[in-house]
Amino acid sequence: MEDYKNKLGSLADKLKNESPKTPIQQVQPVSSEPPKEQEVQFNNWIPRSLVKQVKTYGVEHDMSSKDITIHALREFLASNDKANETGDT
């Protein structure tokens, strides 16, 4: 018991005499990536042959089916917007 009291006493003295060491933080730059748009599930039934073509294209061009679908939909909508602006329907 006496040994325990000596350890506590020396710890208290040590805390009183020594100033606490402040940890040095490392500064890291904040990621500059823009926040991603929220995604939702989108399911459609399409012909089996079209699925095969999409998968083959994806393997050949190192793209996922999701990326191919997003690209195709954006291209389709962009071309239709241009057609509507010129009066072509």
PDB file of N, CA and C in Angstrom:
ATOM      1  N   MET A   1       0.823  -1.196   0.000  1.00  0.00           N
ATOM      2  CA  MET A   1       0.000   0.000   0.000  1.00  0.00           C
ATOM      3  C   MET A   1       0.872   1.266   0.000  1.00  0.00           C
ATOM      4  N   GLU A   2       1.962   1.185   0.719  1.00  0.00           N
ATOM      5  CA  GLU A   2       2.876   2.322   0.802  1.00  0.00           C
ATOM      6  C   GLU A   2       3.494   2.627  -0.566  1.00  0.00           C
ATOM      7  N   ASP A   3       3.798   1.570  -1.312  1.00  0.00           N
ATOM      8  CA  ASP A   3       4.369   1.729  -2.653  1.00  0.00           C
ATOM      9  C   ASP A   3       3.376   2.437  -3.580  1.00  0.00           C
ATOM     10  N   TYR A   4       2.100   2.093  -3.443  1.00  0.00           N
ATOM     11  CA  TYR A   4       1.047   2.707  -4.254  1.00  0.00           C
ATOM     12  C   TYR A   4       0.962   4.207  -3.966  1.00  0.00           C
ATOM     13  N   LYS A   5       1.021   4.581  -2.680  1.00  0.00           N
ATOM     14  CA  LYS A   5       0.960   5.991  -2.299  1.00  0.00           C
ATOM     15  C   LYS A   5       2.171   6.759  -2.833  1.00  0.00           C
ATOM     16  N   ASN A   6       3.334   6.123  -2.815  1.00  0.00           N
ATOM     17  CA  ASN A   6       4.538   6.772  -3.349  1.00  0.00           C
ATOM     18  C   ASN A   6       4.411   7.018  -4.851  1.00  0.00           C
ATOM     19  N   LYS A   7       3.849   6.040  -5.566  1.00  0.00           N
ATOM     20  CA  LYS A   7       3.666   6.202  -7.011  1.00  0.00           C
ATOM     21  C   LYS A   7       2.690   7.324  -7.311  1.00  0.00           C
ATOM     22  N   LEU A   8       1.588   7.372  -6.549  1.00  0.00           N
ATOM     23  CA  LEU A   8       0.608   8.443  -6.760  1.00  0.00           C
ATOM     24  C   LEU A   8       1.211   9.801  -6.424  1.00  0.00           C
ATOM     25  N   GLY A   9       1.966   9.855  -5.353  1.00  0.00           N
ATOM     26  CA  GLY A   9       2.581  11.116  -4.942  1.00  0.00           C
ATOM     27  C   GLY A   9       3.572  11.609  -5.973  1.00  0.00           C
ATOM     28  N   SER A  10       4.375  10.712  -6.497  1.00  0.00           N
ATOM     29  CA  SER A  10       5.352  11.127  -7.496  1.00  0.00           C
ATOM     30  C   SER A  10       4.665  11.522  -8.809  1.00  0.00           C
ATOM     31  N   LEU A  11       3.554  10.880  -9.115  1.00  0.00           N
ATOM     32  CA  LEU A  11       2.801  11.242 -10.316  1.00  0.00           C
ATOM     33  C   LEU A  11       2.217  12.637 -10.172  1.00  0.00           C
ATOM     34  N   ALA A  12       1.671  12.948  -8.992  1.00  0.00           N
ATOM     35  CA  ALA A  12       1.100  14.275  -8.760  1.00  0.00           C
ATOM     36  C   ALA A  12       2.184  15.341  -8.875  1.00  0.00           C
ATOM     37  N   ASP A  13       3.354  15.074  -8.299  1.00  0.00           N
ATOM     38  CA  ASP A  13       4.457  16.038  -8.393  1.00  0.00           C
ATOM     39  C   ASP A  13       4.904  16.220  -9.840  1.00  0.00           C
ATOM     40  N   LYS A  14       4.954  15.146 -10.554  1.00  0.00           N
ATOM     41  CA  LYS A  14       5.376  15.199 -11.946  1.00  0.00           C
ATOM     42  C   LYS A  14       4.393  16.036 -12.770  1.00  0.00           C
ATOM     43  N   LEU A  15       3.089  15.853 -12.533  1.00  0.00           N
ATOM     44  CA  LEU A  15       2.074  16.621 -13.261  1.00  0.00           C
ATOM     45  C   LEU A  15       2.155  18.107 -12.930  1.00  0.00           C
ATOM     46  N   LYS A  16       2.475  18.422 -11.686  1.00  0.00           N
ATOM     47  CA  LYS A  16       2.577  19.830 -11.284  1.00  0.00           C
ATOM     48  C   LYS A  16       3.799  20.503 -11.914  1.00  0.00           C
ATOM     49  N   ASN A  17       4.905  19.785 -11.994  1.00  0.00           N
ATOM     50  CA  ASN A  17       6.165  20.375 -12.452  1.00  0.00           C
ATOM     51  C   ASN A  17       6.311  20.429 -13.965  1.00  0.00           C
ATOM     52  N   GLU A  18       5.777  19.462 -14.669  1.00  0.00           N
ATOM     53  CA  GLU A  18       5.956  19.415 -16.120  1.00  0.00           C
ATOM     54  C   GLU A  18       4.759  20.032 -16.835  1.00  0.00           C
ATOM     55  N   SER A  19       5.044  20.832 -17.828  1.00  0.00           N
ATOM     56  CA  SER A  19       3.947  21.384 -18.625  1.00  0.00           C
ATOM     57  C   SER A  19       3.498  20.314 -19.624  1.00  0.00           C
ATOM     58  N   PRO A  20       2.222  20.270 -19.898  1.00  0.00           N
ATOM     59  CA  PRO A  20       1.741  19.238 -20.830  1.00  0.00           C
ATOM     60  C   PRO A  20       2.287  19.471 -22.232  1.00  0.00           C
ATOM     61  N   LYS A  21       2.614  18.386 -22.891  1.00  0.00           N
ATOM     62  CA  LYS A  21       3.121  18.471 -24.255  1.00  0.00           C
ATOM     63  C   LYS A  21       1.940  18.510 -25.220  1.00  0.00           C
ATOM     64  N   THR A  22       1.904  19.541 -26.019  1.00  0.00           N
ATOM     65  CA  THR A  22       0.831  19.688 -26.995  1.00  0.00           C
ATOM     66  C   THR A  22       1.177  18.850 -28.224  1.00  0.00           C
ATOM     67  N   PRO A  23       0.254  17.990 -28.646  1.00  0.00           N
ATOM     68  CA  PRO A  23       0.552  17.188 -29.838  1.00  0.00           C
ATOM     69  C   PRO A  23       0.624  18.073 -31.082  1.00  0.00           C
ATOM     70  N   ILE A  24       1.542  17.754 -31.945  1.00  0.00           N
ATOM     71  CA  ILE A  24       1.692  18.505 -33.194  1.00  0.00           C
ATOM     72  C   ILE A  24       0.822  17.834 -34.249  1.00  0.00           C
ATOM     73  N   GLN A  25      -0.074  18.624 -34.804  1.00  0.00           N
ATOM     74  CA  GLN A  25      -0.981  18.081 -35.813  1.00  0.00           C
ATOM     75  C   GLN A  25      -0.371  18.260 -37.192  1.00  0.00           C
ATOM     76  N   GLN A  26      -0.648  17.295 -38.030  1.00  0.00           N
ATOM     77  CA  GLN A  26      -0.165  17.361 -39.392  1.00  0.00           C
ATOM     78  C   GLN A  26      -1.250  17.996 -40.259  1.00  0.00           C
ATOM     79  N   VAL A  27      -0.892  18.984 -41.041  1.00  0.00           N
ATOM     80  CA  VAL A  27      -1.842  19.673 -41.905  1.00  0.00           C
ATOM     81  C   VAL A  27      -1.915  18.929 -43.232  1.00  0.00           C
ATOM     82  N   GLN A  28      -3.134  18.565 -43.611  1.00  0.00           N
ATOM     83  CA  GLN A  28      -3.352  17.887 -44.885  1.00  0.00           C
ATOM     84  C   GLN A  28      -4.367  18.681 -45.690  1.00  0.00           C
ATOM     85  N   PRO A  29      -4.122  18.847 -46.975  1.00  0.00           N
ATOM     86  CA  PRO A  29      -5.057  19.635 -47.787  1.00  0.00           C
ATOM     87  C   PRO A  29      -6.408  18.942 -47.886  1.00  0.00           C
ATOM     88  N   VAL A  30      -7.431  19.764 -47.958  1.00  0.00           N
ATOM     89  CA  VAL A  30      -8.788  19.261 -48.094  1.00  0.00           C
ATOM     90  C   VAL A  30      -8.997  18.795 -49.525  1.00  0.00           C
ATOM     91  N   SER A  31      -9.695  17.709 -49.694  1.00  0.00           N
ATOM     92  CA  SER A  31      -9.959  17.182 -51.026  1.00  0.00           C
ATOM     93  C   SER A  31     -10.732  18.209 -51.844  1.00  0.00           C
ATOM     94  N   SER A  32     -10.302  18.418 -53.074  1.00  0.00           N
ATOM     95  CA  SER A  32     -10.950  19.424 -53.912  1.00  0.00           C
ATOM     96  C   SER A  32     -11.955  18.810 -54.880  1.00  0.00           C
ATOM     97  N   GLU A  33     -12.326  17.545 -54.646  1.00  0.00           N
ATOM     98  CA  GLU A  33     -13.308  16.906 -55.523  1.00  0.00           C
ATOM     99  C   GLU A  33     -14.686  17.503 -55.256  1.00  0.00           C
ATOM    100  N   PRO A  34     -15.421  17.807 -56.314  1.00  0.00           N
ATOM    101  CA  PRO A  34     -16.769  18.318 -56.099  1.00  0.00           C
ATOM    102  C   PRO A  34     -17.650  17.206 -55.523  1.00  0.00           C
ATOM    103  N   PRO A  35     -18.647  17.570 -54.739  1.00  0.00           N
ATOM    104  CA  PRO A  35     -19.511  16.537 -54.171  1.00  0.00           C
ATOM    105  C   PRO A  35     -20.255  15.796 -55.285  1.00  0.00           C
ATOM    106  N   LYS A  36     -20.383  14.489 -55.105  1.00  0.00           N
ATOM    107  CA  LYS A  36     -21.052  13.680 -56.117  1.00  0.00           C
ATOM    108  C   LYS A  36     -22.566  13.879 -56.031  1.00  0.00           C
ATOM    109  N   GLU A  37     -23.171  13.815 -57.185  1.00  0.00           N
ATOM    110  CA  GLU A  37     -24.623  13.920 -57.251  1.00  0.00           C
ATOM    111  C   GLU A  37     -25.226  12.647 -56.661  1.00  0.00           C
ATOM    112  N   GLN A  38     -26.321  12.800 -55.944  1.00  0.00           N
ATOM    113  CA  GLN A  38     -26.968  11.647 -55.336  1.00  0.00           C
ATOM    114  C   GLN A  38     -27.462  10.701 -56.425  1.00  0.00           C
ATOM    115  N   GLU A  39     -27.275   9.408 -56.215  1.00  0.00           N
ATOM    116  CA  GLU A  39     -27.670   8.415 -57.203  1.00  0.00           C
ATOM    117  C   GLU A  39     -28.924   7.687 -56.742  1.00  0.00           C
ATOM    118  N   VAL A  40     -29.731   7.281 -57.712  1.00  0.00           N
ATOM    119  CA  VAL A  40     -30.928   6.489 -57.449  1.00  0.00           C
ATOM    120  C   VAL A  40     -30.916   5.284 -58.376  1.00  0.00           C
ATOM    121  N   GLN A  41     -31.677   4.279 -58.002  1.00  0.00           N
ATOM    122  CA  GLN A  41     -31.724   3.072 -58.824  1.00  0.00           C
ATOM    123  C   GLN A  41     -32.616   3.310 -60.043  1.00  0.00           C
ATOM    124  N   PHE A  42     -32.199   2.737 -61.187  1.00  0.00           N
ATOM    125  CA  PHE A  42     -32.914   2.920 -62.451  1.00  0.00           C
ATOM    126  C   PHE A  42     -32.949   1.568 -63.154  1.00  0.00           C
ATOM    127  N   ASN A  43     -34.111   0.942 -63.201  1.00  0.00           N
ATOM    128  CA  ASN A  43     -34.245  -0.392 -63.800  1.00  0.00           C
ATOM    129  C   ASN A  43     -35.153  -0.336 -65.019  1.00  0.00           C
ATOM    130  N   ASN A  44     -34.739  -1.024 -66.066  1.00  0.00           N
ATOM    131  CA  ASN A  44     -35.555  -1.158 -67.277  1.00  0.00           C
ATOM    132  C   ASN A  44     -35.326  -2.542 -67.870  1.00  0.00           C
ATOM    133  N   TRP A  45     -36.315  -3.029 -68.562  1.00  0.00           N
ATOM    134  CA  TRP A  45     -36.168  -4.279 -69.305  1.00  0.00           C
ATOM    135  C   TRP A  45     -35.708  -3.924 -70.703  1.00  0.00           C
ATOM    136  N   ILE A  46     -34.571  -4.508 -71.125  1.00  0.00           N
ATOM    137  CA  ILE A  46     -34.055  -4.259 -72.467  1.00  0.00           C
ATOM    138  C   ILE A  46     -33.743  -5.602 -73.116  1.00  0.00           C
ATOM    139  N   PRO A  47     -33.647  -5.630 -74.451  1.00  0.00           N
ATOM    140  CA  PRO A  47     -33.360  -6.895 -75.133  1.00  0.00           C
ATOM    141  C   PRO A  47     -32.019  -7.495 -74.693  1.00  0.00           C
ATOM    142  N   ARG A  48     -32.001  -8.820 -74.610  1.00  0.00           N
ATOM    143  CA  ARG A  48     -30.809  -9.544 -74.190  1.00  0.00           C
ATOM    144  C   ARG A  48     -29.614  -9.227 -75.088  1.00  0.00           C
ATOM    145  N   SER A  49     -29.869  -9.107 -76.382  1.00  0.00           N
ATOM    146  CA  SER A  49     -28.765  -8.829 -77.313  1.00  0.00           C
ATOM    147  C   SER A  49     -28.123  -7.469 -77.029  1.00  0.00           C
ATOM    148  N   LEU A  50     -28.941  -6.502 -76.605  1.00  0.00           N
ATOM    149  CA  LEU A  50     -28.407  -5.181 -76.266  1.00  0.00           C
ATOM    150  C   LEU A  50     -27.547  -5.255 -75.001  1.00  0.00           C
ATOM    151  N   VAL A  51     -27.957  -6.064 -74.052  1.00  0.00           N
ATOM    152  CA  VAL A  51     -27.163  -6.249 -72.833  1.00  0.00           C
ATOM    153  C   VAL A  51     -25.802  -6.839 -73.184  1.00  0.00           C
ATOM    154  N   LYS A  52     -25.799  -7.824 -74.085  1.00  0.00           N
ATOM    155  CA  LYS A  52     -24.533  -8.432 -74.503  1.00  0.00           C
ATOM    156  C   LYS A  52     -23.638  -7.399 -75.170  1.00  0.00           C
ATOM    157  N   GLN A  53     -24.232  -6.553 -76.021  1.00  0.00           N
ATOM    158  CA  GLN A  53     -23.452  -5.518 -76.695  1.00  0.00           C
ATOM    159  C   GLN A  53     -22.857  -4.533 -75.684  1.00  0.00           C
ATOM    160  N   VAL A  54     -23.637  -4.160 -74.683  1.00  0.00           N
ATOM    161  CA  VAL A  54     -23.161  -3.225 -73.660  1.00  0.00           C
ATOM    162  C   VAL A  54     -22.012  -3.848 -72.877  1.00  0.00           C
ATOM    163  N   LYS A  55     -22.162  -5.112 -72.487  1.00  0.00           N
ATOM    164  CA  LYS A  55     -21.110  -5.785 -71.732  1.00  0.00           C
ATOM    165  C   LYS A  55     -19.836  -5.937 -72.560  1.00  0.00           C
ATOM    166  N   THR A  56     -19.991  -6.281 -73.815  1.00  0.00           N
ATOM    167  CA  THR A  56     -18.828  -6.422 -74.695  1.00  0.00           C
ATOM    168  C   THR A  56     -18.119  -5.086 -74.859  1.00  0.00           C
ATOM    169  N   TYR A  57     -18.887  -4.037 -75.099  1.00  0.00           N
ATOM    170  CA  TYR A  57     -18.308  -2.700 -75.230  1.00  0.00           C
ATOM    171  C   TYR A  57     -17.573  -2.310 -73.950  1.00  0.00           C
ATOM    172  N   GLY A  58     -18.174  -2.611 -72.814  1.00  0.00           N
ATOM    173  CA  GLY A  58     -17.560  -2.283 -71.535  1.00  0.00           C
ATOM    174  C   GLY A  58     -16.226  -2.977 -71.335  1.00  0.00           C
ATOM    175  N   VAL A  59     -16.148  -4.241 -71.713  1.00  0.00           N
ATOM    176  CA  VAL A  59     -14.891  -4.983 -71.580  1.00  0.00           C
ATOM    177  C   VAL A  59     -13.839  -4.412 -72.527  1.00  0.00           C
ATOM    178  N   GLU A  60     -14.243  -4.114 -73.746  1.00  0.00           N
ATOM    179  CA  GLU A  60     -13.295  -3.609 -74.736  1.00  0.00           C
ATOM    180  C   GLU A  60     -12.774  -2.215 -74.396  1.00  0.00           C
ATOM    181  N   HIS A  61     -13.607  -1.393 -73.745  1.00  0.00           N
ATOM    182  CA  HIS A  61     -13.242  -0.005 -73.467  1.00  0.00           C
ATOM    183  C   HIS A  61     -13.038   0.269 -71.975  1.00  0.00           C
ATOM    184  N   ASP A  62     -12.972  -0.789 -71.173  1.00  0.00           N
ATOM    185  CA  ASP A  62     -12.746  -0.668 -69.730  1.00  0.00           C
ATOM    186  C   ASP A  62     -13.750   0.290 -69.088  1.00  0.00           C
ATOM    187  N   MET A  63     -15.028   0.058 -69.350  1.00  0.00           N
ATOM    188  CA  MET A  63     -16.111   0.863 -68.783  1.00  0.00           C
ATOM    189  C   MET A  63     -17.124  -0.065 -68.136  1.00  0.00           C
ATOM    190  N   SER A  64     -17.797   0.429 -67.100  1.00  0.00           N
ATOM    191  CA  SER A  64     -18.849  -0.356 -66.469  1.00  0.00           C
ATOM    192  C   SER A  64     -20.165  -0.145 -67.229  1.00  0.00           C
ATOM    193  N   SER A  65     -21.082  -1.060 -67.030  1.00  0.00           N
ATOM    194  CA  SER A  65     -22.410  -0.909 -67.658  1.00  0.00           C
ATOM    195  C   SER A  65     -23.074   0.370 -67.186  1.00  0.00           C
ATOM    196  N   LYS A  66     -22.854   0.699 -65.939  1.00  0.00           N
ATOM    197  CA  LYS A  66     -23.420   1.931 -65.372  1.00  0.00           C
ATOM    198  C   LYS A  66     -22.882   3.157 -66.113  1.00  0.00           C
ATOM    199  N   ASP A  67     -21.558   3.207 -66.324  1.00  0.00           N
ATOM    200  CA  ASP A  67     -20.956   4.349 -67.020  1.00  0.00           C
ATOM    201  C   ASP A  67     -21.452   4.450 -68.457  1.00  0.00           C
ATOM    202  N   ILE A  68     -21.588   3.312 -69.113  1.00  0.00           N
ATOM    203  CA  ILE A  68     -22.081   3.304 -70.497  1.00  0.00           C
ATOM    204  C   ILE A  68     -23.514   3.820 -70.544  1.00  0.00           C
ATOM    205  N   THR A  69     -24.334   3.364 -69.608  1.00  0.00           N
ATOM    206  CA  THR A  69     -25.746   3.786 -69.567  1.00  0.00           C
ATOM    207  C   THR A  69     -25.849   5.283 -69.311  1.00  0.00           C
ATOM    208  N   ILE A  70     -25.084   5.783 -68.347  1.00  0.00           N
ATOM    209  CA  ILE A  70     -25.120   7.220 -68.039  1.00  0.00           C
ATOM    210  C   ILE A  70     -24.688   8.035 -69.253  1.00  0.00           C
ATOM    211  N   HIS A  71     -23.604   7.614 -69.895  1.00  0.00           N
ATOM    212  CA  HIS A  71     -23.117   8.320 -71.084  1.00  0.00           C
ATOM    213  C   HIS A  71     -24.163   8.311 -72.202  1.00  0.00           C
ATOM    214  N   ALA A  72     -24.761   7.145 -72.444  1.00  0.00           N
ATOM    215  CA  ALA A  72     -25.749   7.029 -73.517  1.00  0.00           C
ATOM    216  C   ALA A  72     -26.975   7.900 -73.239  1.00  0.00           C
ATOM    217  N   LEU A  73     -27.449   7.907 -72.004  1.00  0.00           N
ATOM    218  CA  LEU A  73     -28.625   8.718 -71.671  1.00  0.00           C
ATOM    219  C   LEU A  73     -28.324  10.209 -71.797  1.00  0.00           C
ATOM    220  N   ARG A  74     -27.145  10.627 -71.365  1.00  0.00           N
ATOM    221  CA  ARG A  74     -26.788  12.049 -71.481  1.00  0.00           C
ATOM    222  C   ARG A  74     -26.669  12.468 -72.943  1.00  0.00           C
ATOM    223  N   GLU A  75     -26.048  11.618 -73.750  1.00  0.00           N
ATOM    224  CA  GLU A  75     -25.925  11.911 -75.178  1.00  0.00           C
ATOM    225  C   GLU A  75     -27.300  11.990 -75.835  1.00  0.00           C
ATOM    226  N   PHE A  76     -28.164  11.050 -75.502  1.00  0.00           N
ATOM    227  CA  PHE A  76     -29.516  11.033 -76.069  1.00  0.00           C
ATOM    228  C   PHE A  76     -30.271  12.304 -75.710  1.00  0.00           C
ATOM    229  N   LEU A  77     -30.226  12.673 -74.430  1.00  0.00           N
ATOM    230  CA  LEU A  77     -30.950  13.869 -73.992  1.00  0.00           C
ATOM    231  C   LEU A  77     -30.350  15.136 -74.594  1.00  0.00           C
ATOM    232  N   ALA A  78     -29.038  15.201 -74.718  1.00  0.00           N
ATOM    233  CA  ALA A  78     -28.390  16.380 -75.304  1.00  0.00           C
ATOM    234  C   ALA A  78     -28.756  16.515 -76.785  1.00  0.00           C
ATOM    235  N   SER A  79     -28.760  15.406 -77.510  1.00  0.00           N
ATOM    236  CA  SER A  79     -29.089  15.485 -78.936  1.00  0.00           C
ATOM    237  C   SER A  79     -30.552  15.827 -79.142  1.00  0.00           C
ATOM    238  N   ASN A  80     -31.426  15.353 -78.269  1.00  0.00           N
ATOM    239  CA  ASN A  80     -32.842  15.689 -78.396  1.00  0.00           C
ATOM    240  C   ASN A  80     -33.110  17.131 -78.007  1.00  0.00           C
ATOM    241  N   ASP A  81     -32.356  17.660 -77.056  1.00  0.00           N
ATOM    242  CA  ASP A  81     -32.515  19.081 -76.689  1.00  0.00           C
ATOM    243  C   ASP A  81     -32.106  19.959 -77.857  1.00  0.00           C
ATOM    244  N   LYS A  82     -31.027  19.601 -78.540  1.00  0.00           N
ATOM    245  CA  LYS A  82     -30.579  20.383 -79.697  1.00  0.00           C
ATOM    246  C   LYS A  82     -31.602  20.310 -80.828  1.00  0.00           C
ATOM    247  N   ALA A  83     -32.195  19.146 -81.035  1.00  0.00           N
ATOM    248  CA  ALA A  83     -33.195  18.986 -82.080  1.00  0.00           C
ATOM    249  C   ALA A  83     -34.433  19.811 -81.777  1.00  0.00           C
ATOM    250  N   ASN A  84     -34.815  19.879 -80.510  1.00  0.00           N
ATOM    251  CA  ASN A  84     -35.990  20.663 -80.118  1.00  0.00           C
ATOM    252  C   ASN A  84     -35.725  22.156 -80.254  1.00  0.00           C
ATOM    253  N   GLU A  85     -34.481  22.579 -80.030  1.00  0.00           N
ATOM    254  CA  GLU A  85     -34.145  24.001 -80.168  1.00  0.00           C
ATOM    255  C   GLU A  85     -34.206  24.453 -81.623  1.00  0.00           C
ATOM    256  N   THR A  86     -33.853  23.558 -82.539  1.00  0.00           N
ATOM    257  CA  THR A  86     -33.857  23.939 -83.965  1.00  0.00           C
ATOM    258  C   THR A  86     -35.227  23.715 -84.597  1.00  0.00           C
ATOM    259  N   GLY A  87     -36.134  23.088 -83.864  1.00  0.00           N
ATOM    260  CA  GLY A  87     -37.469  22.847 -84.397  1.00  0.00           C
ATOM    261  C   GLY A  87     -37.630  21.479 -85.035  1.00  0.00           C
ATOM    262  N   ASP A  88     -36.571  20.683 -85.067  1.00  0.00           N
ATOM    263  CA  ASP A  88     -36.660  19.325 -85.599  1.00  0.00           C
ATOM    264  C   ASP A  88     -37.258  18.405 -84.535  1.00  0.00           C
ATOM    265  N   THR A  89     -38.234  17.602 -84.948  1.00  0.00           N
ATOM    266  CA  THR A  89     -38.818  16.625 -84.013  1.00  0.00           C
ATOM    267  C   THR A  89     -39.057  15.315 -84.694  1.00  0.00           C
TER     268      THR A  89
END
